Amino acid sequence: MFSIQNGRTRRFIAGAATLVGAFAVVGTANAATQDSAADRAPKPTVVLEHGAFADGSSWDGVIAKLRRDGYPVVAAANPLRGPASDAAALRSLVDHIKGPVVLVGHSYGGSVISEAAVGEPRVKALVYVAAFLPAPGESALQLTDQFPGSTLPGTLDPVPFTNADGSTGTDLYIQQDKFRAQFAADVPADRAALAAASQRPIAQAALTEKATAAAWQTVPSWDIVTTEDLNIPAAAQQFMAERAHAHTTEVAASHSVAVSHPGLVTGVVEKAARATR
């Protein structure tokens, strides 16, 4: 810039270089401080909501990996009675937890977390795992029937029940001898047999109850789509994920993906947790 560098000009250039260098050092230090602060920030609590024909043990592999990575985890007990009442139960648990929360729902559990997170600012992310993302006015059965591919109806074992007030209903199980092929084809046979014996039924009415709210409309969402799923057709899952503008991961897995691919599920949950800190 200068054709002649006298002493004054050289001192000015040297001073400017020093100043630029100082800004660079400060900028680097600030970035490092911010990264370090993010690393030290408390990790959100991950709340896992199982779906129909399962229980909290279906998350065992995911829980172990999340805890190893320093995440507080709670596997909620889903009553499986209906989206509204089940969401109220889950919301009570979320309200009891201090700090930010990531809600994860498998299968019908997706319907539950979609309602439970509405109006709850501490829920920072929603993660759907082979799950329903109903819009207001939609039911799980409606979304399943909208696309071909589910073979669930032919495997069900309906069990009538009577409530204390005299009202009646029907619980749905999967026939144990059909459970692995229908629900957990990529899970070892002995593990699938245990899951079949310990499965929790869902009230038939829960599958036809319409959603009244959808937190995925406002809360950042992630979705794992299982392309070998015989419960919720992959096309239905893809439709719901795209509609929610969810960050989507596809995997060739059965409906029981949290059992057969716990590492993949954990990775998506942790990605959601990091993105919202």
Foldseek 3Di string as FASTA:
>chain_A
DDPDQDPVNVVVVVVVVVVVVVVVVVVVVVVVVVVVVLVVDQFAEEEEEEAALFFLCLQVLLVVVCVVVPHHYHYDGQPQEAQVVSLVVVLVVVVVDPAAYEYEYAAARLSNCQVNCPPPVSHQEYEYEQYDQAAFPDFQVRLQVVDDFAPQVVQWDWDKDADPVGDIFIWIAGNLVCQCVQANVLAPPVVSSVSNVPTDTHTPVNRGDGRHGGNLQPHAYAYEQACCENHRHSVSRVVSCVVSVHNYDYDPGYSSCCRNPVPVSSVRSVVSRSVRD
